[in-house]
PDB file of N, CA and C in Angstrom:
ATOM      1  N   MET A   1      21.102 -19.610   3.741  1.00  0.00           N
ATOM      2  CA  MET A   1      20.108 -18.249   3.870  1.00  0.00           C
ATOM      3  C   MET A   1      19.104 -17.976   3.258  1.00  0.00           C
ATOM      4  N   LYS A   2      19.922 -18.931   1.883  1.00  0.00           N
ATOM      5  CA  LYS A   2      18.759 -17.895   0.434  1.00  0.00           C
ATOM      6  C   LYS A   2      17.737 -19.154   1.223  1.00  0.00           C
ATOM      7  N   GLY A   3      16.512 -18.982   1.036  1.00  0.00           N
ATOM      8  CA  GLY A   3      15.395 -19.443   0.167  1.00  0.00           C
ATOM      9  C   GLY A   3      14.156 -19.459   1.984  1.00  0.00           C
ATOM     10  N   GLU A   4      15.235 -19.010   3.117  1.00  0.00           N
ATOM     11  CA  GLU A   4      15.007 -18.705   4.113  1.00  0.00           C
ATOM     12  C   GLU A   4      13.884 -18.158   4.740  1.00  0.00           C
ATOM     13  N   ASN A   5      12.746 -18.880   5.295  1.00  0.00           N
ATOM     14  CA  ASN A   5      11.965 -18.155   5.116  1.00  0.00           C
ATOM     15  C   ASN A   5      11.673 -16.775   7.003  1.00  0.00           C
ATOM     16  N   LEU A   6      12.407 -15.797   6.581  1.00  0.00           N
ATOM     17  CA  LEU A   6      11.612 -15.098   7.988  1.00  0.00           C
ATOM     18  C   LEU A   6      10.557 -14.945   8.710  1.00  0.00           C
ATOM     19  N   PRO A   7      10.886 -14.688   9.646  1.00  0.00           N
ATOM     20  CA  PRO A   7       9.827 -14.685  10.928  1.00  0.00           C
ATOM     21  C   PRO A   7       8.843 -13.461  11.023  1.00  0.00           C
ATOM     22  N   VAL A   8       7.599 -13.532  11.028  1.00  0.00           N
ATOM     23  CA  VAL A   8       6.949 -12.535  10.706  1.00  0.00           C
ATOM     24  C   VAL A   8       5.739 -12.042  10.872  1.00  0.00           C
ATOM     25  N   SER A   9       5.483 -10.526  11.513  1.00  0.00           N
ATOM     26  CA  SER A   9       4.472 -10.634  12.685  1.00  0.00           C
ATOM     27  C   SER A   9       2.742 -10.986  11.867  1.00  0.00           C
ATOM     28  N   PRO A  10       2.193 -10.884  13.150  1.00  0.00           N
ATOM     29  CA  PRO A  10       1.254 -11.254  12.563  1.00  0.00           C
ATOM     30  C   PRO A  10       0.025 -10.265  11.508  1.00  0.00           C
ATOM     31  N   ALA A  11       0.205  -8.873  12.370  1.00  0.00           N
ATOM     32  CA  ALA A  11      -0.075  -7.849  11.444  1.00  0.00           C
ATOM     33  C   ALA A  11       0.592  -7.166  10.218  1.00  0.00           C
ATOM     34  N   ALA A  12       1.485  -7.797  10.105  1.00  0.00           N
ATOM     35  CA  ALA A  12       2.457  -7.866   8.637  1.00  0.00           C
ATOM     36  C   ALA A  12       2.646  -8.824   7.856  1.00  0.00           C
ATOM     37  N   ASN A  13       1.987 -10.551   8.380  1.00  0.00           N
ATOM     38  CA  ASN A  13       0.777 -11.246   8.156  1.00  0.00           C
ATOM     39  C   ASN A  13      -0.286 -11.017   6.659  1.00  0.00           C
ATOM     40  N   THR A  14      -0.524 -10.347   7.559  1.00  0.00           N
ATOM     41  CA  THR A  14      -2.293  -9.921   7.579  1.00  0.00           C
ATOM     42  C   THR A  14      -2.362  -8.889   5.844  1.00  0.00           C
ATOM     43  N   MET A  15      -1.544  -8.536   6.069  1.00  0.00           N
ATOM     44  CA  MET A  15      -1.223  -6.407   5.253  1.00  0.00           C
ATOM     45  C   MET A  15      -0.740  -6.997   3.812  1.00  0.00           C
ATOM     46  N   LEU A  16       0.560  -8.561   4.551  1.00  0.00           N
ATOM     47  CA  LEU A  16       0.867  -8.986   3.590  1.00  0.00           C
ATOM     48  C   LEU A  16      -0.488 -10.206   2.279  1.00  0.00           C
ATOM     49  N   ASN A  17      -0.695 -10.377   2.812  1.00  0.00           N
ATOM     50  CA  ASN A  17      -2.405 -11.670   2.324  1.00  0.00           C
ATOM     51  C   ASN A  17      -3.131 -10.230   1.856  1.00  0.00           C
ATOM     52  N   ARG A  18      -3.285  -9.126   2.862  1.00  0.00           N
ATOM     53  CA  ARG A  18      -4.366  -8.424   1.613  1.00  0.00           C
ATOM     54  C   ARG A  18      -3.640  -7.768   0.414  1.00  0.00           C
ATOM     55  N   ALA A  19      -2.282  -7.092   0.652  1.00  0.00           N
ATOM     56  CA  ALA A  19      -1.427  -7.314  -0.809  1.00  0.00           C
ATOM     57  C   ALA A  19      -1.817  -8.188  -1.704  1.00  0.00           C
ATOM     58  N   LEU A  20      -1.395  -8.994  -1.246  1.00  0.00           N
ATOM     59  CA  LEU A  20      -1.177 -10.444  -2.636  1.00  0.00           C
ATOM     60  C   LEU A  20      -2.618 -10.446  -3.054  1.00  0.00           C
ATOM     61  N   GLN A  21      -4.239 -10.414  -2.346  1.00  0.00           N
ATOM     62  CA  GLN A  21      -5.065 -10.252  -2.605  1.00  0.00           C
ATOM     63  C   GLN A  21      -5.328  -8.914  -3.672  1.00  0.00           C
ATOM     64  N   ARG A  22      -5.174  -8.094  -2.940  1.00  0.00           N
ATOM     65  CA  ARG A  22      -5.295  -7.308  -4.321  1.00  0.00           C
ATOM     66  C   ARG A  22      -4.946  -7.398  -5.897  1.00  0.00           C
ATOM     67  N   ALA A  23      -3.151  -8.180  -5.375  1.00  0.00           N
ATOM     68  CA  ALA A  23      -2.335  -7.985  -6.843  1.00  0.00           C
ATOM     69  C   ALA A  23      -3.378  -9.284  -7.798  1.00  0.00           C
ATOM     70  N   VAL A  24      -3.636 -10.359  -7.230  1.00  0.00           N
ATOM     71  CA  VAL A  24      -4.424 -11.616  -7.369  1.00  0.00           C
ATOM     72  C   VAL A  24      -5.455 -10.656  -8.418  1.00  0.00           C
ATOM     73  N   TYR A  25      -6.332  -9.742  -8.039  1.00  0.00           N
ATOM     74  CA  TYR A  25      -7.684  -9.064  -8.046  1.00  0.00           C
ATOM     75  C   TYR A  25      -7.256  -8.335  -9.361  1.00  0.00           C
ATOM     76  N   LEU A  26      -6.309  -7.907  -9.290  1.00  0.00           N
ATOM     77  CA  LEU A  26      -5.915  -6.168 -10.423  1.00  0.00           C
ATOM     78  C   LEU A  26      -5.028  -7.388 -11.696  1.00  0.00           C
ATOM     79  N   HIS A  27      -4.452  -8.387 -11.417  1.00  0.00           N
ATOM     80  CA  HIS A  27      -3.882  -8.733 -12.577  1.00  0.00           C
ATOM     81  C   HIS A  27      -5.319  -9.983 -13.493  1.00  0.00           C
ATOM     82  N   ALA A  28      -6.391 -10.321 -12.428  1.00  0.00           N
ATOM     83  CA  ALA A  28      -7.807 -10.880 -13.563  1.00  0.00           C
ATOM     84  C   ALA A  28      -8.150  -9.757 -14.339  1.00  0.00           C
ATOM     85  N   LYS A  29      -8.769  -8.134 -13.744  1.00  0.00           N
ATOM     86  CA  LYS A  29      -8.580  -6.990 -13.841  1.00  0.00           C
ATOM     87  C   LYS A  29      -7.853  -6.866 -15.055  1.00  0.00           C
ATOM     88  N   GLN A  30      -6.931  -7.189 -15.507  1.00  0.00           N
ATOM     89  CA  GLN A  30      -5.607  -6.422 -16.213  1.00  0.00           C
ATOM     90  C   GLN A  30      -6.379  -5.974 -17.656  1.00  0.00           C
ATOM     91  N   SER A  31      -6.882  -6.768 -17.994  1.00  0.00           N
ATOM     92  CA  SER A  31      -7.200  -6.361 -19.157  1.00  0.00           C
ATOM     93  C   SER A  31      -8.848  -5.175 -19.388  1.00  0.00           C
ATOM     94  N   TYR A  32      -8.785  -4.555 -17.909  1.00  0.00           N
ATOM     95  CA  TYR A  32      -9.980  -3.347 -18.386  1.00  0.00           C
ATOM     96  C   TYR A  32      -9.121  -2.435 -17.783  1.00  0.00           C
ATOM     97  N   LEU A  33      -7.971  -2.892 -17.434  1.00  0.00           N
ATOM     98  CA  LEU A  33      -6.979  -1.549 -16.897  1.00  0.00           C
ATOM     99  C   LEU A  33      -6.757  -0.751 -17.913  1.00  0.00           C
ATOM    100  N   ASN A  34      -6.467  -0.213 -18.981  1.00  0.00           N
ATOM    101  CA  ASN A  34      -6.422   0.527 -19.795  1.00  0.00           C
ATOM    102  C   ASN A  34      -6.414   2.532 -19.443  1.00  0.00           C
ATOM    103  N   TYR A  35      -4.963   1.851 -18.407  1.00  0.00           N
ATOM    104  CA  TYR A  35      -5.160   3.759 -18.171  1.00  0.00           C
ATOM    105  C   TYR A  35      -4.075   5.002 -19.388  1.00  0.00           C
ATOM    106  N   HIS A  36      -3.322   4.027 -20.001  1.00  0.00           N
ATOM    107  CA  HIS A  36      -2.955   4.955 -20.842  1.00  0.00           C
ATOM    108  C   HIS A  36      -4.279   5.345 -21.647  1.00  0.00           C
ATOM    109  N   ILE A  37      -4.963   4.405 -22.606  1.00  0.00           N
ATOM    110  CA  ILE A  37      -5.073   4.980 -23.069  1.00  0.00           C
ATOM    111  C   ILE A  37      -6.656   6.283 -22.731  1.00  0.00           C
ATOM    112  N   ALA A  38      -7.116   5.640 -21.189  1.00  0.00           N
ATOM    113  CA  ALA A  38      -7.673   6.961 -20.243  1.00  0.00           C
ATOM    114  C   ALA A  38      -7.477   8.497 -20.519  1.00  0.00           C
ATOM    115  N   LEU A  39      -5.684   7.967 -19.993  1.00  0.00           N
ATOM    116  CA  LEU A  39      -4.809   9.372 -19.913  1.00  0.00           C
ATOM    117  C   LEU A  39      -4.690  10.045 -21.179  1.00  0.00           C
ATOM    118  N   THR A  40      -4.676   9.304 -22.539  1.00  0.00           N
ATOM    119  CA  THR A  40      -4.464   9.916 -24.073  1.00  0.00           C
ATOM    120  C   THR A  40      -6.108  10.313 -24.533  1.00  0.00           C
ATOM    121  N   LEU A  41      -6.864   9.960 -23.639  1.00  0.00           N
ATOM    122  CA  LEU A  41      -8.057  10.918 -23.855  1.00  0.00           C
ATOM    123  C   LEU A  41      -8.958  11.830 -22.818  1.00  0.00           C
ATOM    124  N   GLY A  42      -7.581  11.693 -21.833  1.00  0.00           N
ATOM    125  CA  GLY A  42      -8.639  12.986 -21.420  1.00  0.00           C
ATOM    126  C   GLY A  42      -8.913  12.553 -19.758  1.00  0.00           C
ATOM    127  N   TRP A  43      -9.267  11.221 -19.814  1.00  0.00           N
ATOM    128  CA  TRP A  43     -10.645  10.999 -18.485  1.00  0.00           C
ATOM    129  C   TRP A  43      -9.395  10.876 -17.170  1.00  0.00           C
ATOM    130  N   PRO A  44     -10.135  11.181 -16.270  1.00  0.00           N
ATOM    131  CA  PRO A  44      -9.886  11.613 -15.079  1.00  0.00           C
ATOM    132  C   PRO A  44      -9.075  10.474 -14.575  1.00  0.00           C
ATOM    133  N   ILE A  45      -7.897  10.511 -13.324  1.00  0.00           N
ATOM    134  CA  ILE A  45      -7.414   9.037 -12.874  1.00  0.00           C
ATOM    135  C   ILE A  45      -7.021   9.698 -11.862  1.00  0.00           C
ATOM    136  N   ALA A  46      -7.973   9.109 -10.626  1.00  0.00           N
ATOM    137  CA  ALA A  46      -7.997   9.458  -9.022  1.00  0.00           C
ATOM    138  C   ALA A  46      -6.941   8.564  -8.587  1.00  0.00           C
ATOM    139  N   ILE A  47      -5.499   8.458  -9.416  1.00  0.00           N
ATOM    140  CA  ILE A  47      -4.320   7.709  -8.179  1.00  0.00           C
ATOM    141  C   ILE A  47      -3.820   8.618  -7.732  1.00  0.00           C
ATOM    142  N   GLY A  48      -3.689  10.048  -8.023  1.00  0.00           N
ATOM    143  CA  GLY A  48      -2.288  11.224  -8.050  1.00  0.00           C
ATOM    144  C   GLY A  48      -3.581  11.584  -6.402  1.00  0.00           C
ATOM    145  N   VAL A  49      -5.112  11.715  -6.615  1.00  0.00           N
ATOM    146  CA  VAL A  49      -5.577  11.709  -5.382  1.00  0.00           C
ATOM    147  C   VAL A  49      -5.544  10.818  -4.351  1.00  0.00           C
ATOM    148  N   ILE A  50      -5.753   9.525  -4.518  1.00  0.00           N
ATOM    149  CA  ILE A  50      -5.124   8.195  -3.875  1.00  0.00           C
ATOM    150  C   ILE A  50      -3.963   8.798  -3.078  1.00  0.00           C
ATOM    151  N   GLU A  51      -3.270   8.615  -3.292  1.00  0.00           N
ATOM    152  CA  GLU A  51      -1.384   9.155  -3.390  1.00  0.00           C
ATOM    153  C   GLU A  51      -1.422  10.235  -2.354  1.00  0.00           C
ATOM    154  N   ALA A  52      -1.639  11.475  -2.733  1.00  0.00           N
ATOM    155  CA  ALA A  52      -1.802  12.418  -2.243  1.00  0.00           C
ATOM    156  C   ALA A  52      -2.797  11.756  -0.485  1.00  0.00           C
ATOM    157  N   ALA A  53      -3.987  11.511  -0.950  1.00  0.00           N
ATOM    158  CA  ALA A  53      -4.468  11.345   0.738  1.00  0.00           C
ATOM    159  C   ALA A  53      -3.740  10.177   1.308  1.00  0.00           C
ATOM    160  N   ALA A  54      -3.173   9.874   1.017  1.00  0.00           N
ATOM    161  CA  ALA A  54      -2.000   8.279   1.533  1.00  0.00           C
ATOM    162  C   ALA A  54      -0.983   9.044   2.549  1.00  0.00           C
ATOM    163  N   ALA A  55      -0.037   9.913   1.557  1.00  0.00           N
ATOM    164  CA  ALA A  55       0.399  11.010   2.428  1.00  0.00           C
ATOM    165  C   ALA A  55       0.671  11.612   2.996  1.00  0.00           C
ATOM    166  N   THR A  56      -0.390  12.406   3.343  1.00  0.00           N
ATOM    167  CA  THR A  56      -0.888  13.254   3.876  1.00  0.00           C
ATOM    168  C   THR A  56      -1.811  12.054   5.455  1.00  0.00           C
ATOM    169  N   TRP A  57      -1.686  10.806   5.260  1.00  0.00           N
ATOM    170  CA  TRP A  57      -2.084  10.730   6.362  1.00  0.00           C
ATOM    171  C   TRP A  57      -0.954   9.910   7.269  1.00  0.00           C
ATOM    172  N   SER A  58      -0.277   9.425   6.571  1.00  0.00           N
ATOM    173  CA  SER A  58       1.298   8.545   6.555  1.00  0.00           C
ATOM    174  C   SER A  58       1.848   9.486   7.523  1.00  0.00           C
ATOM    175  N   ARG A  59       2.555  10.949   6.885  1.00  0.00           N
ATOM    176  CA  ARG A  59       2.696  12.208   7.446  1.00  0.00           C
ATOM    177  C   ARG A  59       2.148  12.611   8.951  1.00  0.00           C
ATOM    178  N   THR A  60       0.492  13.050   9.070  1.00  0.00           N
ATOM    179  CA  THR A  60      -0.588  13.329  10.106  1.00  0.00           C
ATOM    180  C   THR A  60      -0.138  12.307  11.000  1.00  0.00           C
ATOM    181  N   ALA A  61      -0.345  10.997  10.994  1.00  0.00           N
ATOM    182  CA  ALA A  61      -0.385   9.846  12.332  1.00  0.00           C
ATOM    183  C   ALA A  61       1.406   9.695  12.224  1.00  0.00           C
ATOM    184  N   SER A  62       2.757   9.588  12.376  1.00  0.00           N
ATOM    185  CA  SER A  62       4.063   9.933  12.117  1.00  0.00           C
ATOM    186  C   SER A  62       4.096  10.851  13.272  1.00  0.00           C
ATOM    187  N   THR A  63       3.707  11.928  12.622  1.00  0.00           N
ATOM    188  CA  THR A  63       4.121  13.324  13.298  1.00  0.00           C
ATOM    189  C   THR A  63       3.382  14.195  14.691  1.00  0.00           C
ATOM    190  N   SER A  64       1.633  13.289  14.201  1.00  0.00           N
ATOM    191  CA  SER A  64       1.526  13.824  15.395  1.00  0.00           C
ATOM    192  C   SER A  64       1.698  13.672  16.994  1.00  0.00           C
ATOM    193  N   PRO A  65       2.308  14.576  17.744  1.00  0.00           N
ATOM    194  CA  PRO A  65       1.746  14.286  18.719  1.00  0.00           C
ATOM    195  C   PRO A  65       1.240  13.527  19.945  1.00  0.00           C
ATOM    196  N   ALA A  66       0.624  13.472  19.619  1.00  0.00           N
ATOM    197  CA  ALA A  66      -0.378  12.288  20.292  1.00  0.00           C
ATOM    198  C   ALA A  66      -0.601  10.675  19.477  1.00  0.00           C
ATOM    199  N   ALA A  67       0.428   9.979  18.598  1.00  0.00           N
ATOM    200  CA  ALA A  67       0.711   8.983  18.395  1.00  0.00           C
ATOM    201  C   ALA A  67       0.991   8.274  19.109  1.00  0.00           C
ATOM    202  N   ARG A  68       0.354   7.009  19.353  1.00  0.00           N
ATOM    203  CA  ARG A  68       0.403   5.855  20.290  1.00  0.00           C
ATOM    204  C   ARG A  68       0.768   4.717  19.074  1.00  0.00           C
ATOM    205  N   TRP A  69       2.550   3.935  19.337  1.00  0.00           N
ATOM    206  CA  TRP A  69       2.265   3.024  18.295  1.00  0.00           C
ATOM    207  C   TRP A  69       2.373   1.546  19.085  1.00  0.00           C
ATOM    208  N   SER A  70       1.793   0.633  18.486  1.00  0.00           N
ATOM    209  CA  SER A  70       2.181  -0.588  19.026  1.00  0.00           C
ATOM    210  C   SER A  70       3.062  -1.156  18.119  1.00  0.00           C
ATOM    211  N   LEU A  71       3.284  -2.191  17.990  1.00  0.00           N
ATOM    212  CA  LEU A  71       4.929  -2.954  17.528  1.00  0.00           C
ATOM    213  C   LEU A  71       3.879  -2.996  16.217  1.00  0.00           C
ATOM    214  N   PRO A  72       2.824  -4.193  16.096  1.00  0.00           N
ATOM    215  CA  PRO A  72       2.525  -4.462  15.217  1.00  0.00           C
ATOM    216  C   PRO A  72       2.144  -3.459  13.959  1.00  0.00           C
ATOM    217  N   GLY A  73       1.704  -2.170  14.976  1.00  0.00           N
ATOM    218  CA  GLY A  73       0.917  -1.122  13.623  1.00  0.00           C
ATOM    219  C   GLY A  73       2.039  -0.728  13.764  1.00  0.00           C
ATOM    220  N   ALA A  74       3.022  -0.194  14.466  1.00  0.00           N
ATOM    221  CA  ALA A  74       4.600   0.458  13.520  1.00  0.00           C
ATOM    222  C   ALA A  74       4.777  -0.431  12.390  1.00  0.00           C
ATOM    223  N   GLU A  75       4.776  -1.444  12.588  1.00  0.00           N
ATOM    224  CA  GLU A  75       5.812  -2.028  11.501  1.00  0.00           C
ATOM    225  C   GLU A  75       4.585  -2.501  10.646  1.00  0.00           C
ATOM    226  N   ALA A  76       3.291  -2.427  10.568  1.00  0.00           N
ATOM    227  CA  ALA A  76       2.471  -2.300   9.436  1.00  0.00           C
ATOM    228  C   ALA A  76       2.814  -0.957   8.487  1.00  0.00           C
ATOM    229  N   VAL A  77       3.067  -0.017   9.428  1.00  0.00           N
ATOM    230  CA  VAL A  77       2.620   1.460   8.837  1.00  0.00           C
ATOM    231  C   VAL A  77       4.310   1.524   7.732  1.00  0.00           C
ATOM    232  N   ARG A  78       5.638   0.909   8.922  1.00  0.00           N
ATOM    233  CA  ARG A  78       6.869   1.028   7.782  1.00  0.00           C
ATOM    234  C   ARG A  78       6.810   0.134   6.964  1.00  0.00           C
ATOM    235  N   LEU A  79       5.839  -1.279   6.425  1.00  0.00           N
ATOM    236  CA  LEU A  79       6.079  -1.949   5.010  1.00  0.00           C
ATOM    237  C   LEU A  79       4.833  -0.833   4.480  1.00  0.00           C
ATOM    238  N   ALA A  80       4.014  -0.644   4.756  1.00  0.00           N
ATOM    239  CA  ALA A  80       2.689   0.457   4.260  1.00  0.00           C
ATOM    240  C   ALA A  80       3.767   1.595   2.929  1.00  0.00           C
ATOM    241  N   ARG A  81       5.052   2.297   3.886  1.00  0.00           N
ATOM    242  CA  ARG A  81       5.669   3.324   2.943  1.00  0.00           C
ATOM    243  C   ARG A  81       6.274   2.300   2.452  1.00  0.00           C
ATOM    244  N   ARG A  82       6.926   1.688   3.002  1.00  0.00           N
ATOM    245  CA  ARG A  82       8.059   0.559   2.122  1.00  0.00           C
ATOM    246  C   ARG A  82       7.618   0.385   0.665  1.00  0.00           C
ATOM    247  N   ALA A  83       6.337  -0.193   1.171  1.00  0.00           N
ATOM    248  CA  ALA A  83       5.850  -0.706  -0.672  1.00  0.00           C
ATOM    249  C   ALA A  83       5.570   0.113  -1.588  1.00  0.00           C
ATOM    250  N   GLY A  84       5.600   1.735  -1.004  1.00  0.00           N
ATOM    251  CA  GLY A  84       5.104   3.162  -1.558  1.00  0.00           C
ATOM    252  C   GLY A  84       6.381   3.359  -2.568  1.00  0.00           C
ATOM    253  N   ASP A  85       7.970   2.880  -1.521  1.00  0.00           N
ATOM    254  CA  ASP A  85       9.152   3.164  -2.271  1.00  0.00           C
ATOM    255  C   ASP A  85       9.142   2.824  -4.418  1.00  0.00           C
TER     256      ASP A  85
END
């Protein structure tokens, strides 16, 4: 079982590829991402705003009485929530 690849839906595969692209980008820009310095200087950082918007969207999308979920869509949301943990 170790090293065995598990099947992944196309939607989840797309989401994972996008996450990998973003991780590569952030790694390449790491020298510019000095958040600890910005916070020390009192500069605003939008991460809290982004997290709040994502939480609101997730809560609204999952509790809406009109929500209709496809299996790939539900899996993508599940992975997005899991990534935030």
